[in-house]
C-alpha atoms as a PDB file:
ATOM      1  CA  MET A   1      -3.197 -11.910  14.541  1.00  0.00           C
ATOM      2  CA  SER A   2      -6.876 -12.764  13.591  1.00  0.00           C
ATOM      3  CA  LYS A   3      -8.250 -12.154  10.001  1.00  0.00           C
ATOM      4  CA  HIS A   4     -10.339  -9.555  11.327  1.00  0.00           C
ATOM      5  CA  GLU A   5      -7.511  -7.626  13.186  1.00  0.00           C
ATOM      6  CA  ARG A   6      -5.001  -8.117  10.381  1.00  0.00           C
ATOM      7  CA  ASP A   7      -7.622  -6.575   7.868  1.00  0.00           C
ATOM      8  CA  GLU A   8      -8.265  -3.606  10.650  1.00  0.00           C
ATOM      9  CA  PHE A   9      -4.333  -3.144  10.764  1.00  0.00           C
ATOM     10  CA  LEU A  10      -3.647  -3.014   7.013  1.00  0.00           C
ATOM     11  CA  ALA A  11      -6.838  -0.978   6.509  1.00  0.00           C
ATOM     12  CA  ALA A  12      -5.369   1.713   9.142  1.00  0.00           C
ATOM     13  CA  LEU A  13      -3.364   4.501   8.215  1.00  0.00           C
ATOM     14  CA  HIS A  14       0.418   3.149   7.365  1.00  0.00           C
ATOM     15  CA  VAL A  15       2.688   4.406   4.316  1.00  0.00           C
ATOM     16  CA  GLY A  16       2.898   0.846   2.477  1.00  0.00           C
ATOM     17  CA  VAL A  17       6.047  -0.445   1.029  1.00  0.00           C
ATOM     18  CA  LEU A  18       5.582  -2.283  -2.139  1.00  0.00           C
ATOM     19  CA  ALA A  19       8.257  -5.089  -3.514  1.00  0.00           C
ATOM     20  CA  VAL A  20       7.909  -5.998  -6.995  1.00  0.00           C
ATOM     21  CA  GLU A  21      10.305  -8.368  -9.008  1.00  0.00           C
ATOM     22  CA  ARG A  22      12.701  -7.212 -11.288  1.00  0.00           C
ATOM     23  CA  PRO A  23      14.167  -9.881 -13.703  1.00  0.00           C
ATOM     24  CA  ASP A  24      17.635  -8.709 -13.761  1.00  0.00           C
ATOM     25  CA  GLY A  25      18.127  -7.743 -10.158  1.00  0.00           C
ATOM     26  CA  PRO A  26      17.024  -7.598  -6.572  1.00  0.00           C
ATOM     27  CA  PRO A  27      13.123  -6.281  -5.798  1.00  0.00           C
ATOM     28  CA  LEU A  28      12.064  -2.690  -6.453  1.00  0.00           C
ATOM     29  CA  VAL A  29      11.129  -1.537  -3.053  1.00  0.00           C
ATOM     30  CA  THR A  30       9.211   1.861  -2.614  1.00  0.00           C
ATOM     31  CA  PRO A  31       6.750   3.510  -0.277  1.00  0.00           C
ATOM     32  CA  VAL A  32       3.270   3.879  -1.753  1.00  0.00           C
ATOM     33  CA  TRP A  33       0.341   5.925   0.254  1.00  0.00           C
ATOM     34  CA  TYR A  34      -2.899   3.401  -0.461  1.00  0.00           C
ATOM     35  CA  ARG A  35      -6.128   2.478   0.798  1.00  0.00           C
ATOM     36  CA  TYR A  36      -7.690  -0.918   1.779  1.00  0.00           C
ATOM     37  CA  GLU A  37     -11.246  -1.798   2.735  1.00  0.00           C
ATOM     38  CA  PRO A  38     -11.450  -5.233   4.493  1.00  0.00           C
ATOM     39  CA  GLY A  39     -11.790  -8.033   1.961  1.00  0.00           C
ATOM     40  CA  GLY A  40     -10.923  -6.041  -0.841  1.00  0.00           C
ATOM     41  CA  ALA A  41      -7.914  -4.952  -3.247  1.00  0.00           C
ATOM     42  CA  VAL A  42      -4.924  -2.984  -1.949  1.00  0.00           C
ATOM     43  CA  GLU A  43      -5.132   0.363  -4.099  1.00  0.00           C
ATOM     44  CA  PHE A  44      -2.438   2.948  -4.352  1.00  0.00           C
ATOM     45  CA  ASN A  45      -2.069   5.807  -7.504  1.00  0.00           C
ATOM     46  CA  THR A  46       1.412   5.732  -9.347  1.00  0.00           C
ATOM     47  CA  GLU A  47       2.580   7.306 -12.693  1.00  0.00           C
ATOM     48  CA  SER A  48       1.930   4.952 -15.984  1.00  0.00           C
ATOM     49  CA  THR A  49       5.755   5.989 -16.821  1.00  0.00           C
ATOM     50  CA  SER A  50       7.074   4.855 -13.852  1.00  0.00           C
ATOM     51  CA  GLU A  51       9.538   1.452 -13.529  1.00  0.00           C
ATOM     52  CA  LYS A  52       7.278   0.334 -10.936  1.00  0.00           C
ATOM     53  CA  VAL A  53       4.344   0.132 -13.221  1.00  0.00           C
ATOM     54  CA  LYS A  54       6.722  -1.623 -16.266  1.00  0.00           C
ATOM     55  CA  LEU A  55       7.839  -3.903 -13.395  1.00  0.00           C
ATOM     56  CA  LEU A  56       4.181  -4.727 -12.276  1.00  0.00           C
ATOM     57  CA  GLU A  57       3.184  -5.358 -15.587  1.00  0.00           C
ATOM     58  CA  GLN A  58       5.761  -7.824 -16.511  1.00  0.00           C
ATOM     59  CA  ALA A  59       5.626  -9.184 -13.025  1.00  0.00           C
ATOM     60  CA  GLY A  60       1.880  -9.545 -12.424  1.00  0.00           C
ATOM     61  CA  HIS A  61       1.943  -9.642  -8.816  1.00  0.00           C
ATOM     62  CA  ALA A  62       3.568  -7.635  -6.118  1.00  0.00           C
ATOM     63  CA  SER A  63       4.042  -7.596  -2.225  1.00  0.00           C
ATOM     64  CA  LEU A  64       3.478  -5.106   0.259  1.00  0.00           C
ATOM     65  CA  CYS A  65       3.934  -4.355   3.986  1.00  0.00           C
ATOM     66  CA  ALA A  66       2.471  -2.130   6.006  1.00  0.00           C
ATOM     67  CA  GLN A  67       3.877  -1.579   9.712  1.00  0.00           C
ATOM     68  CA  ARG A  68       3.766   0.168  12.858  1.00  0.00           C
ATOM     69  CA  GLU A  69       6.892   1.831  14.085  1.00  0.00           C
ATOM     70  CA  GLU A  70       6.526   2.486  17.785  1.00  0.00           C
ATOM     71  CA  LEU A  71       6.306  -0.184  20.257  1.00  0.00           C
ATOM     72  CA  PRO A  72       4.600  -2.609  20.048  1.00  0.00           C
ATOM     73  CA  TYR A  73       6.047  -3.150  16.909  1.00  0.00           C
ATOM     74  CA  ALA A  74       3.588  -5.150  14.313  1.00  0.00           C
ATOM     75  CA  TYR A  75       3.287  -5.515  10.487  1.00  0.00           C
ATOM     76  CA  VAL A  76       1.176  -6.921   7.961  1.00  0.00           C
ATOM     77  CA  THR A  77       2.368  -8.440   4.685  1.00  0.00           C
ATOM     78  CA  VAL A  78       0.473  -9.209   1.352  1.00  0.00           C
ATOM     79  CA  ASP A  79       1.091 -10.625  -1.447  1.00  0.00           C
ATOM     80  CA  GLY A  80      -1.120 -11.217  -4.684  1.00  0.00           C
ATOM     81  CA  PRO A  81      -1.710 -10.699  -8.190  1.00  0.00           C
ATOM     82  CA  VAL A  82      -2.175  -6.922  -9.578  1.00  0.00           C
ATOM     83  CA  GLU A  83      -4.540  -5.044 -11.823  1.00  0.00           C
ATOM     84  CA  ILE A  84      -3.608  -2.053 -13.622  1.00  0.00           C
ATOM     85  CA  GLU A  85      -6.178   0.697 -14.683  1.00  0.00           C
ATOM     86  CA  THR A  86      -6.057   4.104 -15.015  1.00  0.00           C
ATOM     87  CA  THR A  87      -7.296   6.348 -12.598  1.00  0.00           C
ATOM     88  CA  ASP A  88      -9.315   9.258 -11.530  1.00  0.00           C
ATOM     89  CA  ARG A  89      -9.432  12.648  -9.597  1.00  0.00           C
ATOM     90  CA  ALA A  90     -11.398  10.921  -6.679  1.00  0.00           C
ATOM     91  CA  THR A  91      -9.457   7.989  -6.069  1.00  0.00           C
ATOM     92  CA  ARG A  92      -6.313  10.518  -5.966  1.00  0.00           C
ATOM     93  CA  VAL A  93      -8.132  12.515  -3.540  1.00  0.00           C
ATOM     94  CA  ASP A  94      -9.341   9.386  -1.659  1.00  0.00           C
ATOM     95  CA  ILE A  95      -5.774   8.375  -0.964  1.00  0.00           C
ATOM     96  CA  ALA A  96      -4.459  11.515  -0.993  1.00  0.00           C
ATOM     97  CA  THR A  97      -6.695  13.263   1.917  1.00  0.00           C
ATOM     98  CA  ARG A  98      -6.071   9.699   3.996  1.00  0.00           C
ATOM     99  CA  TYR A  99      -2.420  11.173   4.361  1.00  0.00           C
ATOM    100  CA  LEU A 100      -3.015  14.620   4.241  1.00  0.00           C
ATOM    101  CA  GLY A 101      -6.547  15.385   5.535  1.00  0.00           C
ATOM    102  CA  THR A 102      -9.461  16.596   3.649  1.00  0.00           C
ATOM    103  CA  GLU A 103      -8.327  20.473   2.957  1.00  0.00           C
ATOM    104  CA  MET A 104      -4.149  19.342   2.338  1.00  0.00           C
ATOM    105  CA  GLY A 105      -4.744  15.912   0.529  1.00  0.00           C
ATOM    106  CA  THR A 106      -7.640  17.919  -1.857  1.00  0.00           C
ATOM    107  CA  ALA A 107      -4.982  20.910  -2.728  1.00  0.00           C
ATOM    108  CA  TYR A 108      -2.343  18.343  -3.229  1.00  0.00           C
ATOM    109  CA  VAL A 109      -4.472  16.991  -5.995  1.00  0.00           C
ATOM    110  CA  ASP A 110      -5.623  20.240  -7.468  1.00  0.00           C
ATOM    111  CA  SER A 111      -2.402  21.845  -7.050  1.00  0.00           C
ATOM    112  CA  GLY A 112      -0.718  19.403  -9.694  1.00  0.00           C
ATOM    113  CA  GLY A 113       1.216  17.032  -6.766  1.00  0.00           C
ATOM    114  CA  ALA A 114      -0.388  13.846  -7.890  1.00  0.00           C
ATOM    115  CA  ALA A 115      -0.716  14.906 -11.676  1.00  0.00           C
ATOM    116  CA  GLY A 116       1.423  12.013 -12.877  1.00  0.00           C
ATOM    117  CA  ASP A 117      -0.609   9.384 -10.696  1.00  0.00           C
ATOM    118  CA  ASP A 118      -2.661   8.548 -13.402  1.00  0.00           C
ATOM    119  CA  ILE A 119      -2.658   4.985 -12.682  1.00  0.00           C
ATOM    120  CA  VAL A 120      -4.484   2.961 -10.047  1.00  0.00           C
ATOM    121  CA  VAL A 121      -2.584  -0.035  -8.848  1.00  0.00           C
ATOM    122  CA  ARG A 122      -5.204  -2.912  -6.829  1.00  0.00           C
ATOM    123  CA  LEU A 123      -3.063  -5.717  -5.320  1.00  0.00           C
ATOM    124  CA  GLN A 124      -5.557  -8.521  -4.308  1.00  0.00           C
ATOM    125  CA  PRO A 125      -3.990 -10.103  -1.085  1.00  0.00           C
ATOM    126  CA  SER A 126      -4.078 -13.758  -1.404  1.00  0.00           C
ATOM    127  CA  ARG A 127      -0.995 -14.930   1.256  1.00  0.00           C
ATOM    128  CA  TRP A 128      -0.574 -12.904   4.248  1.00  0.00           C
ATOM    129  CA  ARG A 129       1.990 -12.435   6.833  1.00  0.00           C
ATOM    130  CA  THR A 130       1.489 -10.987  10.070  1.00  0.00           C
ATOM    131  CA  SER A 131       3.487 -10.216  13.194  1.00  0.00           C
ATOM    132  CA  ASP A 132       2.169  -8.431  16.359  1.00  0.00           C
ATOM    133  CA  PHE A 133       4.348  -7.442  19.642  1.00  0.00           C
ATOM    134  CA  SER A 134       1.706  -6.731  21.561  1.00  0.00           C
ATOM    135  CA  LYS A 135       0.859 -10.579  21.410  1.00  0.00           C
ATOM    136  CA  LEU A 136       4.292 -11.654  22.669  1.00  0.00           C
ATOM    137  CA  ASP A 137       4.953 -12.679  26.128  1.00  0.00           C
ATOM    138  CA  LEU A 138       7.986 -10.713  26.699  1.00  0.00           C
ATOM    139  CA  PRO A 139       9.100  -9.337  30.091  1.00  0.00           C
ATOM    140  CA  SER A 140       8.347  -5.917  30.724  1.00  0.00           C
ATOM    141  CA  GLY A 141      11.144  -2.898  31.552  1.00  0.00           C
END
């Protein structure tokens, strides 16, 4: 994928799969709702008391993979340093409505569905891996 294609793919609606190393075993891997603007950081909300936040603080970096699950398959994986800060309602609503639509996403946040999501994590992509099966010369059929 070109830089433009990978930015557009990552900015499109996908459930991200976050991976962060554990000091005593395999990485923690978990799905996340996220947002991304080309050239910026991948942002997602989570709970400050979660194992995810503790591991992100320890590691200081993480990986995220977004994929297209139907033909033609494609994925973008980014690795990079993370920043962890307190989030706000606007960020929670923006990310929730991206996945649930305006009405349901706002209701989800206002009903307490995202009440525990008091942290925003910003993953700054520094390394990219991509694949797009639509660019492969495969036989049809």
